[in-house]
Amino acid sequence: MMKKPQYMKVVEWSEEDHCFVGSAPPLIGKCCHGDDEAEVFAQLAVIVDEWIDIFEKDGRPLPEARGKDFTGKFVVRVPPELHQAATIRAMQEHRSLNAFVERAIAQAVGE
């Protein structure tokens, strides 16, 4: 038997639903929910295995598992005007552009 691909499993709090919600992109979107984060993760693990089995049974190719290591580096393309505005704001705050963008991303994702 082949080893099953390892999909990243995401459990996050949903303010809209007032509960934890689980997903495993790109295999499956939001697919389970509950009040206990660990229980939602356990449900999600079962659901992911079931989806893999369904794909294999139907002969459909599985989406690529994105279980890669993250290096902390990525390229972002933005309009020149945004690049300039961010650079100016970073300079005004006595920060490097990298530190400015890192803080903006952290704030956007709630870190």
Protein backbone atom coordinates (compact mmCIF):
# COMPACT_ATOMS: atom_id res chain seq x y z
CA MET A 1 0.00 0.00 0.00
CA MET A 2 1.29 3.46 -0.94
CA LYS A 3 1.87 6.03 1.78
CA LYS A 4 -0.89 8.64 1.78
CA PRO A 5 0.10 12.23 0.98
CA GLN A 6 0.37 14.52 3.98
CA TYR A 7 -1.93 17.52 3.64
CA MET A 8 -1.61 20.54 5.89
CA LYS A 9 -4.59 20.60 8.23
CA VAL A 10 -5.83 23.99 9.40
CA VAL A 11 -8.07 24.53 12.42
CA GLU A 12 -8.95 28.14 13.14
CA TRP A 13 -11.46 30.07 15.20
CA SER A 14 -14.36 31.52 13.21
CA GLU A 15 -15.83 34.70 14.68
CA GLU A 16 -18.71 34.36 12.23
CA ASP A 17 -19.59 30.81 13.33
CA HIS A 18 -18.40 31.13 16.94
CA CYS A 19 -16.55 27.83 16.76
CA PHE A 20 -13.41 26.17 15.43
CA VAL A 21 -13.47 25.29 11.73
CA GLY A 22 -11.23 22.77 9.97
CA SER A 23 -9.97 22.63 6.39
CA ALA A 24 -7.17 21.00 4.41
CA PRO A 25 -6.43 23.13 1.36
CA PRO A 26 -6.12 22.31 -1.49
CA LEU A 27 -7.84 18.96 -0.85
CA ILE A 28 -10.95 20.22 0.92
CA GLY A 29 -12.31 23.53 2.16
CA LYS A 30 -14.08 24.14 5.45
CA CYS A 31 -15.49 20.76 6.29
CA CYS A 32 -15.92 20.36 10.05
CA HIS A 33 -16.52 22.51 13.08
CA GLY A 34 -16.92 22.38 16.84
CA ASP A 35 -16.20 23.99 20.18
CA ASP A 36 -13.05 21.97 20.95
CA GLU A 37 -9.98 22.64 18.78
CA ALA A 38 -8.46 19.18 19.34
CA GLU A 39 -11.73 17.43 18.48
CA VAL A 40 -12.08 19.44 15.27
CA PHE A 41 -8.50 18.48 14.34
CA ALA A 42 -9.28 14.80 14.98
CA GLN A 43 -12.44 15.05 12.83
CA LEU A 44 -10.43 16.78 10.11
CA ALA A 45 -7.78 14.05 10.07
CA VAL A 46 -10.48 11.41 9.50
CA ILE A 47 -12.16 13.49 6.78
CA VAL A 48 -8.85 14.03 4.95
CA ASP A 49 -8.15 10.28 4.96
CA GLU A 50 -11.68 9.61 3.65
CA TRP A 51 -11.26 12.17 0.85
CA ILE A 52 -7.95 10.64 -0.19
CA ASP A 53 -9.62 7.23 -0.32
CA ILE A 54 -12.48 8.63 -2.43
CA PHE A 55 -10.07 10.27 -4.90
CA GLU A 56 -8.08 7.03 -5.22
CA LYS A 57 -11.21 4.88 -5.58
CA ASP A 58 -12.56 7.18 -8.31
CA GLY A 59 -9.20 7.21 -10.09
CA ARG A 60 -8.92 10.99 -9.81
CA PRO A 61 -5.52 12.62 -9.30
CA LEU A 62 -4.99 14.10 -5.86
CA PRO A 63 -4.11 17.77 -5.55
CA GLU A 64 -0.48 18.36 -4.65
CA ALA A 65 0.11 18.18 -0.90
CA ARG A 66 1.67 21.42 0.25
CA GLY A 67 3.57 20.01 3.21
CA LYS A 68 6.78 21.80 2.30
CA ASP A 69 9.20 23.48 4.63
CA PHE A 70 8.78 27.24 4.75
CA THR A 71 12.00 29.21 4.35
CA GLY A 72 10.61 32.57 5.41
CA LYS A 73 11.32 34.02 1.97
CA PHE A 74 8.86 34.73 -0.82
CA VAL A 75 8.49 37.19 -3.68
CA VAL A 76 5.55 39.56 -3.77
CA ARG A 77 4.72 41.62 -6.83
CA VAL A 78 3.02 44.94 -6.11
CA PRO A 79 2.36 48.04 -8.18
CA PRO A 80 5.31 50.48 -8.20
CA GLU A 81 3.20 53.09 -6.40
CA LEU A 82 2.53 50.71 -3.50
CA HIS A 83 6.21 49.75 -3.37
CA GLN A 84 7.14 53.44 -3.17
CA ALA A 85 4.50 54.24 -0.54
CA ALA A 86 5.56 51.29 1.63
CA THR A 87 9.22 52.29 1.34
CA ILE A 88 8.44 55.86 2.38
CA ARG A 89 6.31 54.72 5.32
CA ALA A 90 9.02 52.29 6.44
CA MET A 91 11.61 55.08 6.32
CA GLN A 92 9.31 57.37 8.33
CA GLU A 93 9.08 54.64 11.00
CA HIS A 94 12.88 54.12 10.93
CA ARG A 95 12.40 50.53 9.75
CA SER A 96 13.66 48.55 6.82
CA LEU A 97 11.11 47.77 4.15
CA ASN A 98 11.41 44.10 5.12
CA ALA A 99 10.63 44.83 8.81
CA PHE A 100 7.74 47.07 7.79
CA VAL A 101 6.17 44.41 5.54
CA GLU A 102 6.79 41.67 8.13
CA ARG A 103 4.88 43.68 10.75
CA ALA A 104 2.04 44.43 8.29
CA ILE A 105 1.65 40.74 7.45
CA ALA A 106 1.77 39.73 11.12
CA GLN A 107 -0.97 42.25 11.93
CA ALA A 108 -3.08 41.06 8.98
CA VAL A 109 -2.97 37.42 10.10
CA GLY A 110 -3.37 38.20 13.78
CA GLU A 111 0.13 37.34 15.01
